[in-house]
Amino acid sequence: MLNMLMQVEMVQAAGETAKGWGAMGAGIGMGLALIGAGLGLGRIGGQVAEGIARQPEAEGAIRGAGLLFAVLLEGATIIALVFALLFKLI
């Protein structure tokens, strides 16, 4: 009987440890997603500004392409954050 109680306590402790690792993994995943998004958006903005400065007559096309890429990057970032939060809950 005592052996069974000890096994139950060990399983509960292992479950709590697993939850801690899951939270740490989710935090790392969210941090990496946000760092990547920040770097990507900064690069997109800088290249769009440089492109407009080089060819002011193509401002509309350059701005539209930059906006499209920025929106796609934001969508991928939000999906990455949602997956990280879901993995934290599992």
PDB file of N, CA and C in Angstrom:
ATOM      1  N   MET A   1       0.821  -1.191   0.000  1.00  0.00           N
ATOM      2  CA  MET A   1       0.000   0.000   0.000  1.00  0.00           C
ATOM      3  C   MET A   1       0.868   1.260   0.000  1.00  0.00           C
ATOM      4  N   LEU A   2       1.888   1.253   0.834  1.00  0.00           N
ATOM      5  CA  LEU A   2       2.779   2.395   0.915  1.00  0.00           C
ATOM      6  C   LEU A   2       3.505   2.604  -0.415  1.00  0.00           C
ATOM      7  N   ASN A   3       3.854   1.508  -1.063  1.00  0.00           N
ATOM      8  CA  ASN A   3       4.536   1.584  -2.358  1.00  0.00           C
ATOM      9  C   ASN A   3       3.638   2.263  -3.394  1.00  0.00           C
ATOM     10  N   MET A   4       2.346   1.950  -3.393  1.00  0.00           N
ATOM     11  CA  MET A   4       1.413   2.559  -4.346  1.00  0.00           C
ATOM     12  C   MET A   4       1.268   4.054  -4.070  1.00  0.00           C
ATOM     13  N   LEU A   5       1.234   4.459  -2.812  1.00  0.00           N
ATOM     14  CA  LEU A   5       1.124   5.870  -2.475  1.00  0.00           C
ATOM     15  C   LEU A   5       2.360   6.636  -2.935  1.00  0.00           C
ATOM     16  N   MET A   6       3.529   6.030  -2.781  1.00  0.00           N
ATOM     17  CA  MET A   6       4.760   6.680  -3.212  1.00  0.00           C
ATOM     18  C   MET A   6       4.783   6.844  -4.734  1.00  0.00           C
ATOM     19  N   GLN A   7       4.270   5.841  -5.461  1.00  0.00           N
ATOM     20  CA  GLN A   7       4.235   5.929  -6.914  1.00  0.00           C
ATOM     21  C   GLN A   7       3.302   7.048  -7.360  1.00  0.00           C
ATOM     22  N   VAL A   8       2.160   7.214  -6.698  1.00  0.00           N
ATOM     23  CA  VAL A   8       1.217   8.279  -7.033  1.00  0.00           C
ATOM     24  C   VAL A   8       1.864   9.644  -6.799  1.00  0.00           C
ATOM     25  N   GLU A   9       2.592   9.794  -5.693  1.00  0.00           N
ATOM     26  CA  GLU A   9       3.260  11.058  -5.414  1.00  0.00           C
ATOM     27  C   GLU A   9       4.334  11.357  -6.454  1.00  0.00           C
ATOM     28  N   MET A  10       5.060  10.332  -6.899  1.00  0.00           N
ATOM     29  CA  MET A  10       6.103  10.531  -7.902  1.00  0.00           C
ATOM     30  C   MET A  10       5.500  10.944  -9.240  1.00  0.00           C
ATOM     31  N   VAL A  11       4.369  10.357  -9.605  1.00  0.00           N
ATOM     32  CA  VAL A  11       3.709  10.713 -10.864  1.00  0.00           C
ATOM     33  C   VAL A  11       3.209  12.149 -10.813  1.00  0.00           C
ATOM     34  N   GLN A  12       2.658  12.566  -9.662  1.00  0.00           N
ATOM     35  CA  GLN A  12       2.188  13.940  -9.527  1.00  0.00           C
ATOM     36  C   GLN A  12       3.344  14.922  -9.617  1.00  0.00           C
ATOM     37  N   ALA A  13       4.467  14.602  -9.006  1.00  0.00           N
ATOM     38  CA  ALA A  13       5.634  15.485  -9.073  1.00  0.00           C
ATOM     39  C   ALA A  13       6.156  15.570 -10.500  1.00  0.00           C
ATOM     40  N   ALA A  14       6.153  14.448 -11.224  1.00  0.00           N
ATOM     41  CA  ALA A  14       6.608  14.457 -12.617  1.00  0.00           C
ATOM     42  C   ALA A  14       5.673  15.296 -13.480  1.00  0.00           C
ATOM     43  N   GLY A  15       4.376  15.246 -13.207  1.00  0.00           N
ATOM     44  CA  GLY A  15       3.422  16.058 -13.960  1.00  0.00           C
ATOM     45  C   GLY A  15       3.641  17.544 -13.740  1.00  0.00           C
ATOM     46  N   GLU A  16       3.953  17.943 -12.512  1.00  0.00           N
ATOM     47  CA  GLU A  16       4.222  19.353 -12.231  1.00  0.00           C
ATOM     48  C   GLU A  16       5.503  19.807 -12.920  1.00  0.00           C
ATOM     49  N   THR A  17       6.505  18.937 -12.951  1.00  0.00           N
ATOM     50  CA  THR A  17       7.746  19.278 -13.638  1.00  0.00           C
ATOM     51  C   THR A  17       7.502  19.429 -15.131  1.00  0.00           C
ATOM     52  N   ALA A  18       6.690  18.571 -15.709  1.00  0.00           N
ATOM     53  CA  ALA A  18       6.392  18.651 -17.134  1.00  0.00           C
ATOM     54  C   ALA A  18       5.665  19.949 -17.463  1.00  0.00           C
ATOM     55  N   LYS A  19       4.790  20.393 -16.577  1.00  0.00           N
ATOM     56  CA  LYS A  19       4.096  21.666 -16.815  1.00  0.00           C
ATOM     57  C   LYS A  19       5.079  22.829 -16.793  1.00  0.00           C
ATOM     58  N   GLY A  20       6.070  22.761 -15.927  1.00  0.00           N
ATOM     59  CA  GLY A  20       7.078  23.809 -15.874  1.00  0.00           C
ATOM     60  C   GLY A  20       7.892  23.872 -17.154  1.00  0.00           C
ATOM     61  N   TRP A  21       8.259  22.706 -17.684  1.00  0.00           N
ATOM     62  CA  TRP A  21       9.019  22.671 -18.942  1.00  0.00           C
ATOM     63  C   TRP A  21       8.162  23.171 -20.096  1.00  0.00           C
ATOM     64  N   GLY A  22       6.877  22.850 -20.070  1.00  0.00           N
ATOM     65  CA  GLY A  22       5.981  23.334 -21.123  1.00  0.00           C
ATOM     66  C   GLY A  22       5.854  24.840 -21.108  1.00  0.00           C
ATOM     67  N   ALA A  23       5.770  25.417 -19.923  1.00  0.00           N
ATOM     68  CA  ALA A  23       5.682  26.878 -19.816  1.00  0.00           C
ATOM     69  C   ALA A  23       6.974  27.533 -20.288  1.00  0.00           C
ATOM     70  N   MET A  24       8.100  26.908 -19.960  1.00  0.00           N
ATOM     71  CA  MET A  24       9.371  27.479 -20.405  1.00  0.00           C
ATOM     72  C   MET A  24       9.495  27.386 -21.929  1.00  0.00           C
ATOM     73  N   GLY A  25       9.095  26.266 -22.495  1.00  0.00           N
ATOM     74  CA  GLY A  25       9.141  26.114 -23.949  1.00  0.00           C
ATOM     75  C   GLY A  25       8.224  27.094 -24.657  1.00  0.00           C
ATOM     76  N   ALA A  26       7.039  27.318 -24.090  1.00  0.00           N
ATOM     77  CA  ALA A  26       6.109  28.279 -24.682  1.00  0.00           C
ATOM     78  C   ALA A  26       6.681  29.692 -24.611  1.00  0.00           C
ATOM     79  N   GLY A  27       7.326  30.026 -23.501  1.00  0.00           N
ATOM     80  CA  GLY A  27       7.935  31.350 -23.367  1.00  0.00           C
ATOM     81  C   GLY A  27       9.062  31.560 -24.364  1.00  0.00           C
ATOM     82  N   ILE A  28       9.885  30.535 -24.547  1.00  0.00           N
ATOM     83  CA  ILE A  28      10.975  30.641 -25.522  1.00  0.00           C
ATOM     84  C   ILE A  28      10.403  30.769 -26.931  1.00  0.00           C
ATOM     85  N   GLY A  29       9.379  29.982 -27.229  1.00  0.00           N
ATOM     86  CA  GLY A  29       8.755  30.046 -28.554  1.00  0.00           C
ATOM     87  C   GLY A  29       8.151  31.410 -28.847  1.00  0.00           C
ATOM     88  N   MET A  30       7.463  31.975 -27.865  1.00  0.00           N
ATOM     89  CA  MET A  30       6.864  33.294 -28.065  1.00  0.00           C
ATOM     90  C   MET A  30       7.941  34.363 -28.214  1.00  0.00           C
ATOM     91  N   GLY A  31       9.001  34.251 -27.416  1.00  0.00           N
ATOM     92  CA  GLY A  31      10.079  35.233 -27.525  1.00  0.00           C
ATOM     93  C   GLY A  31      10.759  35.191 -28.885  1.00  0.00           C
ATOM     94  N   LEU A  32      11.031  33.984 -29.381  1.00  0.00           N
ATOM     95  CA  LEU A  32      11.658  33.862 -30.688  1.00  0.00           C
ATOM     96  C   LEU A  32      10.747  34.375 -31.802  1.00  0.00           C
ATOM     97  N   ALA A  33       9.443  34.103 -31.679  1.00  0.00           N
ATOM     98  CA  ALA A  33       8.501  34.584 -32.698  1.00  0.00           C
ATOM     99  C   ALA A  33       8.464  36.112 -32.723  1.00  0.00           C
ATOM    100  N   LEU A  34       8.472  36.732 -31.557  1.00  0.00           N
ATOM    101  CA  LEU A  34       8.416  38.193 -31.500  1.00  0.00           C
ATOM    102  C   LEU A  34       9.724  38.831 -31.957  1.00  0.00           C
ATOM    103  N   ILE A  35      10.842  38.214 -31.605  1.00  0.00           N
ATOM    104  CA  ILE A  35      12.133  38.743 -32.072  1.00  0.00           C
ATOM    105  C   ILE A  35      12.211  38.654 -33.590  1.00  0.00           C
ATOM    106  N   GLY A  36      11.810  37.519 -34.133  1.00  0.00           N
ATOM    107  CA  GLY A  36      11.827  37.354 -35.589  1.00  0.00           C
ATOM    108  C   GLY A  36      10.911  38.336 -36.294  1.00  0.00           C
ATOM    109  N   ALA A  37       9.735  38.555 -35.720  1.00  0.00           N
ATOM    110  CA  ALA A  37       8.800  39.508 -36.328  1.00  0.00           C
ATOM    111  C   ALA A  37       9.348  40.927 -36.278  1.00  0.00           C
ATOM    112  N   GLY A  38       9.956  41.295 -35.160  1.00  0.00           N
ATOM    113  CA  GLY A  38      10.529  42.635 -35.050  1.00  0.00           C
ATOM    114  C   GLY A  38      11.649  42.867 -36.049  1.00  0.00           C
ATOM    115  N   LEU A  39      12.519  41.883 -36.179  1.00  0.00           N
ATOM    116  CA  LEU A  39      13.605  42.009 -37.164  1.00  0.00           C
ATOM    117  C   LEU A  39      13.061  42.061 -38.585  1.00  0.00           C
ATOM    118  N   GLY A  40      12.078  41.224 -38.871  1.00  0.00           N
ATOM    119  CA  GLY A  40      11.506  41.198 -40.212  1.00  0.00           C
ATOM    120  C   GLY A  40      10.791  42.483 -40.574  1.00  0.00           C
ATOM    121  N   LEU A  41      10.002  42.999 -39.645  1.00  0.00           N
ATOM    122  CA  LEU A  41       9.278  44.244 -39.925  1.00  0.00           C
ATOM    123  C   LEU A  41      10.240  45.426 -40.068  1.00  0.00           C
ATOM    124  N   GLY A  42      11.277  45.442 -39.267  1.00  0.00           N
ATOM    125  CA  GLY A  42      12.267  46.500 -39.403  1.00  0.00           C
ATOM    126  C   GLY A  42      12.966  46.451 -40.752  1.00  0.00           C
ATOM    127  N   ARG A  43      13.280  45.242 -41.175  1.00  0.00           N
ATOM    128  CA  ARG A  43      13.944  45.097 -42.482  1.00  0.00           C
ATOM    129  C   ARG A  43      12.996  45.488 -43.618  1.00  0.00           C
ATOM    130  N   ILE A  44      11.741  45.067 -43.530  1.00  0.00           N
ATOM    131  CA  ILE A  44      10.766  45.437 -44.564  1.00  0.00           C
ATOM    132  C   ILE A  44      10.614  46.957 -44.635  1.00  0.00           C
ATOM    133  N   GLY A  45      10.450  47.599 -43.483  1.00  0.00           N
ATOM    134  CA  GLY A  45      10.286  49.055 -43.462  1.00  0.00           C
ATOM    135  C   GLY A  45      11.487  49.784 -44.016  1.00  0.00           C
ATOM    136  N   GLY A  46      12.677  49.334 -43.648  1.00  0.00           N
ATOM    137  CA  GLY A  46      13.885  49.968 -44.144  1.00  0.00           C
ATOM    138  C   GLY A  46      14.051  49.819 -45.648  1.00  0.00           C
ATOM    139  N   GLN A  47      13.761  48.626 -46.163  1.00  0.00           N
ATOM    140  CA  GLN A  47      13.907  48.393 -47.594  1.00  0.00           C
ATOM    141  C   GLN A  47      12.851  49.153 -48.399  1.00  0.00           C
ATOM    142  N   VAL A  48      11.649  49.266 -47.842  1.00  0.00           N
ATOM    143  CA  VAL A  48      10.603  50.039 -48.526  1.00  0.00           C
ATOM    144  C   VAL A  48      11.008  51.514 -48.593  1.00  0.00           C
ATOM    145  N   ALA A  49      11.501  52.057 -47.476  1.00  0.00           N
ATOM    146  CA  ALA A  49      11.932  53.460 -47.474  1.00  0.00           C
ATOM    147  C   ALA A  49      13.080  53.675 -48.453  1.00  0.00           C
ATOM    148  N   GLU A  50      14.020  52.729 -48.497  1.00  0.00           N
ATOM    149  CA  GLU A  50      15.139  52.852 -49.428  1.00  0.00           C
ATOM    150  C   GLU A  50      14.667  52.760 -50.884  1.00  0.00           C
ATOM    151  N   GLY A  51      13.738  51.851 -51.126  1.00  0.00           N
ATOM    152  CA  GLY A  51      13.216  51.705 -52.488  1.00  0.00           C
ATOM    153  C   GLY A  51      12.471  52.940 -52.953  1.00  0.00           C
ATOM    154  N   ILE A  52      11.687  53.538 -52.071  1.00  0.00           N
ATOM    155  CA  ILE A  52      10.953  54.760 -52.433  1.00  0.00           C
ATOM    156  C   ILE A  52      11.927  55.915 -52.653  1.00  0.00           C
ATOM    157  N   ALA A  53      12.990  55.957 -51.844  1.00  0.00           N
ATOM    158  CA  ALA A  53      13.977  57.022 -52.020  1.00  0.00           C
ATOM    159  C   ALA A  53      14.711  56.887 -53.355  1.00  0.00           C
ATOM    160  N   ARG A  54      14.933  55.651 -53.789  1.00  0.00           N
ATOM    161  CA  ARG A  54      15.642  55.436 -55.058  1.00  0.00           C
ATOM    162  C   ARG A  54      14.742  55.674 -56.272  1.00  0.00           C
ATOM    163  N   GLN A  55      13.467  55.278 -56.147  1.00  0.00           N
ATOM    164  CA  GLN A  55      12.526  55.431 -57.265  1.00  0.00           C
ATOM    165  C   GLN A  55      11.217  56.035 -56.766  1.00  0.00           C
ATOM    166  N   PRO A  56      11.174  57.339 -56.615  1.00  0.00           N
ATOM    167  CA  PRO A  56       9.954  57.972 -56.092  1.00  0.00           C
ATOM    168  C   PRO A  56       8.738  57.774 -57.000  1.00  0.00           C
ATOM    169  N   GLU A  57       8.958  57.562 -58.290  1.00  0.00           N
ATOM    170  CA  GLU A  57       7.812  57.377 -59.193  1.00  0.00           C
ATOM    171  C   GLU A  57       7.114  56.046 -58.970  1.00  0.00           C
ATOM    172  N   ALA A  58       7.769  55.080 -58.353  1.00  0.00           N
ATOM    173  CA  ALA A  58       7.166  53.766 -58.091  1.00  0.00           C
ATOM    174  C   ALA A  58       6.717  53.636 -56.639  1.00  0.00           C
ATOM    175  N   GLU A  59       6.427  54.757 -56.016  1.00  0.00           N
ATOM    176  CA  GLU A  59       6.090  54.757 -54.590  1.00  0.00           C
ATOM    177  C   GLU A  59       4.891  53.867 -54.270  1.00  0.00           C
ATOM    178  N   GLY A  60       3.844  53.946 -55.054  1.00  0.00           N
ATOM    179  CA  GLY A  60       2.632  53.176 -54.782  1.00  0.00           C
ATOM    180  C   GLY A  60       2.863  51.672 -54.846  1.00  0.00           C
ATOM    181  N   ALA A  61       3.579  51.230 -55.863  1.00  0.00           N
ATOM    182  CA  ALA A  61       3.839  49.798 -56.014  1.00  0.00           C
ATOM    183  C   ALA A  61       4.749  49.282 -54.901  1.00  0.00           C
ATOM    184  N   ILE A  62       5.756  50.055 -54.554  1.00  0.00           N
ATOM    185  CA  ILE A  62       6.690  49.627 -53.499  1.00  0.00           C
ATOM    186  C   ILE A  62       5.980  49.583 -52.160  1.00  0.00           C
ATOM    187  N   ARG A  63       5.190  50.620 -51.884  1.00  0.00           N
ATOM    188  CA  ARG A  63       4.467  50.662 -50.610  1.00  0.00           C
ATOM    189  C   ARG A  63       3.459  49.506 -50.516  1.00  0.00           C
ATOM    190  N   GLY A  64       2.774  49.206 -51.610  1.00  0.00           N
ATOM    191  CA  GLY A  64       1.806  48.102 -51.605  1.00  0.00           C
ATOM    192  C   GLY A  64       2.472  46.754 -51.366  1.00  0.00           C
ATOM    193  N   ALA A  65       3.619  46.528 -52.020  1.00  0.00           N
ATOM    194  CA  ALA A  65       4.329  45.265 -51.830  1.00  0.00           C
ATOM    195  C   ALA A  65       4.851  45.153 -50.403  1.00  0.00           C
ATOM    196  N   GLY A  66       5.377  46.252 -49.858  1.00  0.00           N
ATOM    197  CA  GLY A  66       5.864  46.236 -48.479  1.00  0.00           C
ATOM    198  C   GLY A  66       4.754  45.965 -47.485  1.00  0.00           C
ATOM    199  N   LEU A  67       3.600  46.571 -47.725  1.00  0.00           N
ATOM    200  CA  LEU A  67       2.454  46.344 -46.844  1.00  0.00           C
ATOM    201  C   LEU A  67       1.981  44.899 -46.914  1.00  0.00           C
ATOM    202  N   LEU A  68       1.968  44.339 -48.101  1.00  0.00           N
ATOM    203  CA  LEU A  68       1.565  42.934 -48.256  1.00  0.00           C
ATOM    204  C   LEU A  68       2.498  42.015 -47.475  1.00  0.00           C
ATOM    205  N   PHE A  69       3.809  42.224 -47.612  1.00  0.00           N
ATOM    206  CA  PHE A  69       4.764  41.381 -46.891  1.00  0.00           C
ATOM    207  C   PHE A  69       4.654  41.577 -45.381  1.00  0.00           C
ATOM    208  N   ALA A  70       4.414  42.796 -44.941  1.00  0.00           N
ATOM    209  CA  ALA A  70       4.268  43.060 -43.514  1.00  0.00           C
ATOM    210  C   ALA A  70       3.032  42.357 -42.947  1.00  0.00           C
ATOM    211  N   VAL A  71       1.944  42.375 -43.687  1.00  0.00           N
ATOM    212  CA  VAL A  71       0.720  41.706 -43.231  1.00  0.00           C
ATOM    213  C   VAL A  71       0.927  40.195 -43.160  1.00  0.00           C
ATOM    214  N   LEU A  72       1.593  39.632 -44.162  1.00  0.00           N
ATOM    215  CA  LEU A  72       1.868  38.195 -44.134  1.00  0.00           C
ATOM    216  C   LEU A  72       2.771  37.827 -42.961  1.00  0.00           C
ATOM    217  N   LEU A  73       3.747  38.660 -42.671  1.00  0.00           N
ATOM    218  CA  LEU A  73       4.642  38.413 -41.540  1.00  0.00           C
ATOM    219  C   LEU A  73       3.887  38.490 -40.223  1.00  0.00           C
ATOM    220  N   GLU A  74       3.011  39.449 -40.082  1.00  0.00           N
ATOM    221  CA  GLU A  74       2.215  39.565 -38.856  1.00  0.00           C
ATOM    222  C   GLU A  74       1.297  38.356 -38.679  1.00  0.00           C
ATOM    223  N   GLY A  75       0.719  37.888 -39.776  1.00  0.00           N
ATOM    224  CA  GLY A  75      -0.125  36.696 -39.689  1.00  0.00           C
ATOM    225  C   GLY A  75       0.655  35.486 -39.227  1.00  0.00           C
ATOM    226  N   ALA A  76       1.841  35.294 -39.763  1.00  0.00           N
ATOM    227  CA  ALA A  76       2.676  34.163 -39.347  1.00  0.00           C
ATOM    228  C   ALA A  76       3.087  34.301 -37.885  1.00  0.00           C
ATOM    229  N   THR A  77       3.329  35.521 -37.442  1.00  0.00           N
ATOM    230  CA  THR A  77       3.709  35.750 -36.044  1.00  0.00           C
ATOM    231  C   THR A  77       2.555  35.425 -35.108  1.00  0.00           C
ATOM    232  N   ILE A  78       1.365  35.839 -35.462  1.00  0.00           N
ATOM    233  CA  ILE A  78       0.197  35.550 -34.617  1.00  0.00           C
ATOM    234  C   ILE A  78      -0.048  34.048 -34.551  1.00  0.00           C
ATOM    235  N   ILE A  79       0.110  33.348 -35.653  1.00  0.00           N
ATOM    236  CA  ILE A  79      -0.056  31.894 -35.657  1.00  0.00           C
ATOM    237  C   ILE A  79       0.989  31.247 -34.759  1.00  0.00           C
ATOM    238  N   ALA A  80       2.239  31.723 -34.813  1.00  0.00           N
ATOM    239  CA  ALA A  80       3.291  31.175 -33.963  1.00  0.00           C
ATOM    240  C   ALA A  80       2.980  31.407 -32.485  1.00  0.00           C
ATOM    241  N   LEU A  81       2.465  32.579 -32.144  1.00  0.00           N
ATOM    242  CA  LEU A  81       2.111  32.858 -30.756  1.00  0.00           C
ATOM    243  C   LEU A  81       0.959  31.982 -30.280  1.00  0.00           C
ATOM    244  N   VAL A  82      -0.027  31.777 -31.131  1.00  0.00           N
ATOM    245  CA  VAL A  82      -1.165  30.924 -30.762  1.00  0.00           C
ATOM    246  C   VAL A  82      -0.700  29.486 -30.544  1.00  0.00           C
ATOM    247  N   PHE A  83       0.165  28.990 -31.425  1.00  0.00           N
ATOM    248  CA  PHE A  83       0.675  27.628 -31.248  1.00  0.00           C
ATOM    249  C   PHE A  83       1.490  27.505 -29.966  1.00  0.00           C
ATOM    250  N   ALA A  84       2.298  28.516 -29.654  1.00  0.00           N
ATOM    251  CA  ALA A  84       3.083  28.476 -28.418  1.00  0.00           C
ATOM    252  C   ALA A  84       2.163  28.435 -27.204  1.00  0.00           C
ATOM    253  N   LEU A  85       1.098  29.224 -27.224  1.00  0.00           N
ATOM    254  CA  LEU A  85       0.154  29.191 -26.090  1.00  0.00           C
ATOM    255  C   LEU A  85      -0.593  27.868 -26.011  1.00  0.00           C
ATOM    256  N   LEU A  86      -0.922  27.295 -27.152  1.00  0.00           N
ATOM    257  CA  LEU A  86      -1.588  25.999 -27.142  1.00  0.00           C
ATOM    258  C   LEU A  86      -0.672  24.917 -26.602  1.00  0.00           C
ATOM    259  N   PHE A  87       0.593  24.957 -26.971  1.00  0.00           N
ATOM    260  CA  PHE A  87       1.532  23.957 -26.460  1.00  0.00           C
ATOM    261  C   PHE A  87       1.740  24.121 -24.968  1.00  0.00           C
ATOM    262  N   LYS A  88       1.597  25.330 -24.465  1.00  0.00           N
ATOM    263  CA  LYS A  88       1.701  25.550 -23.021  1.00  0.00           C
ATOM    264  C   LYS A  88       0.546  24.869 -22.289  1.00  0.00           C
ATOM    265  N   LEU A  89      -0.621  24.874 -22.899  1.00  0.00           N
ATOM    266  CA  LEU A  89      -1.795  24.289 -22.242  1.00  0.00           C
ATOM    267  C   LEU A  89      -1.830  22.766 -22.322  1.00  0.00           C
ATOM    268  N   ILE A  90      -1.149  22.226 -23.316  1.00  0.00           N
ATOM    269  CA  ILE A  90      -1.189  20.763 -23.484  1.00  0.00           C
ATOM    270  C   ILE A  90      -0.214  20.098 -22.569  1.00  0.00           C
TER     271      ILE A  90
END
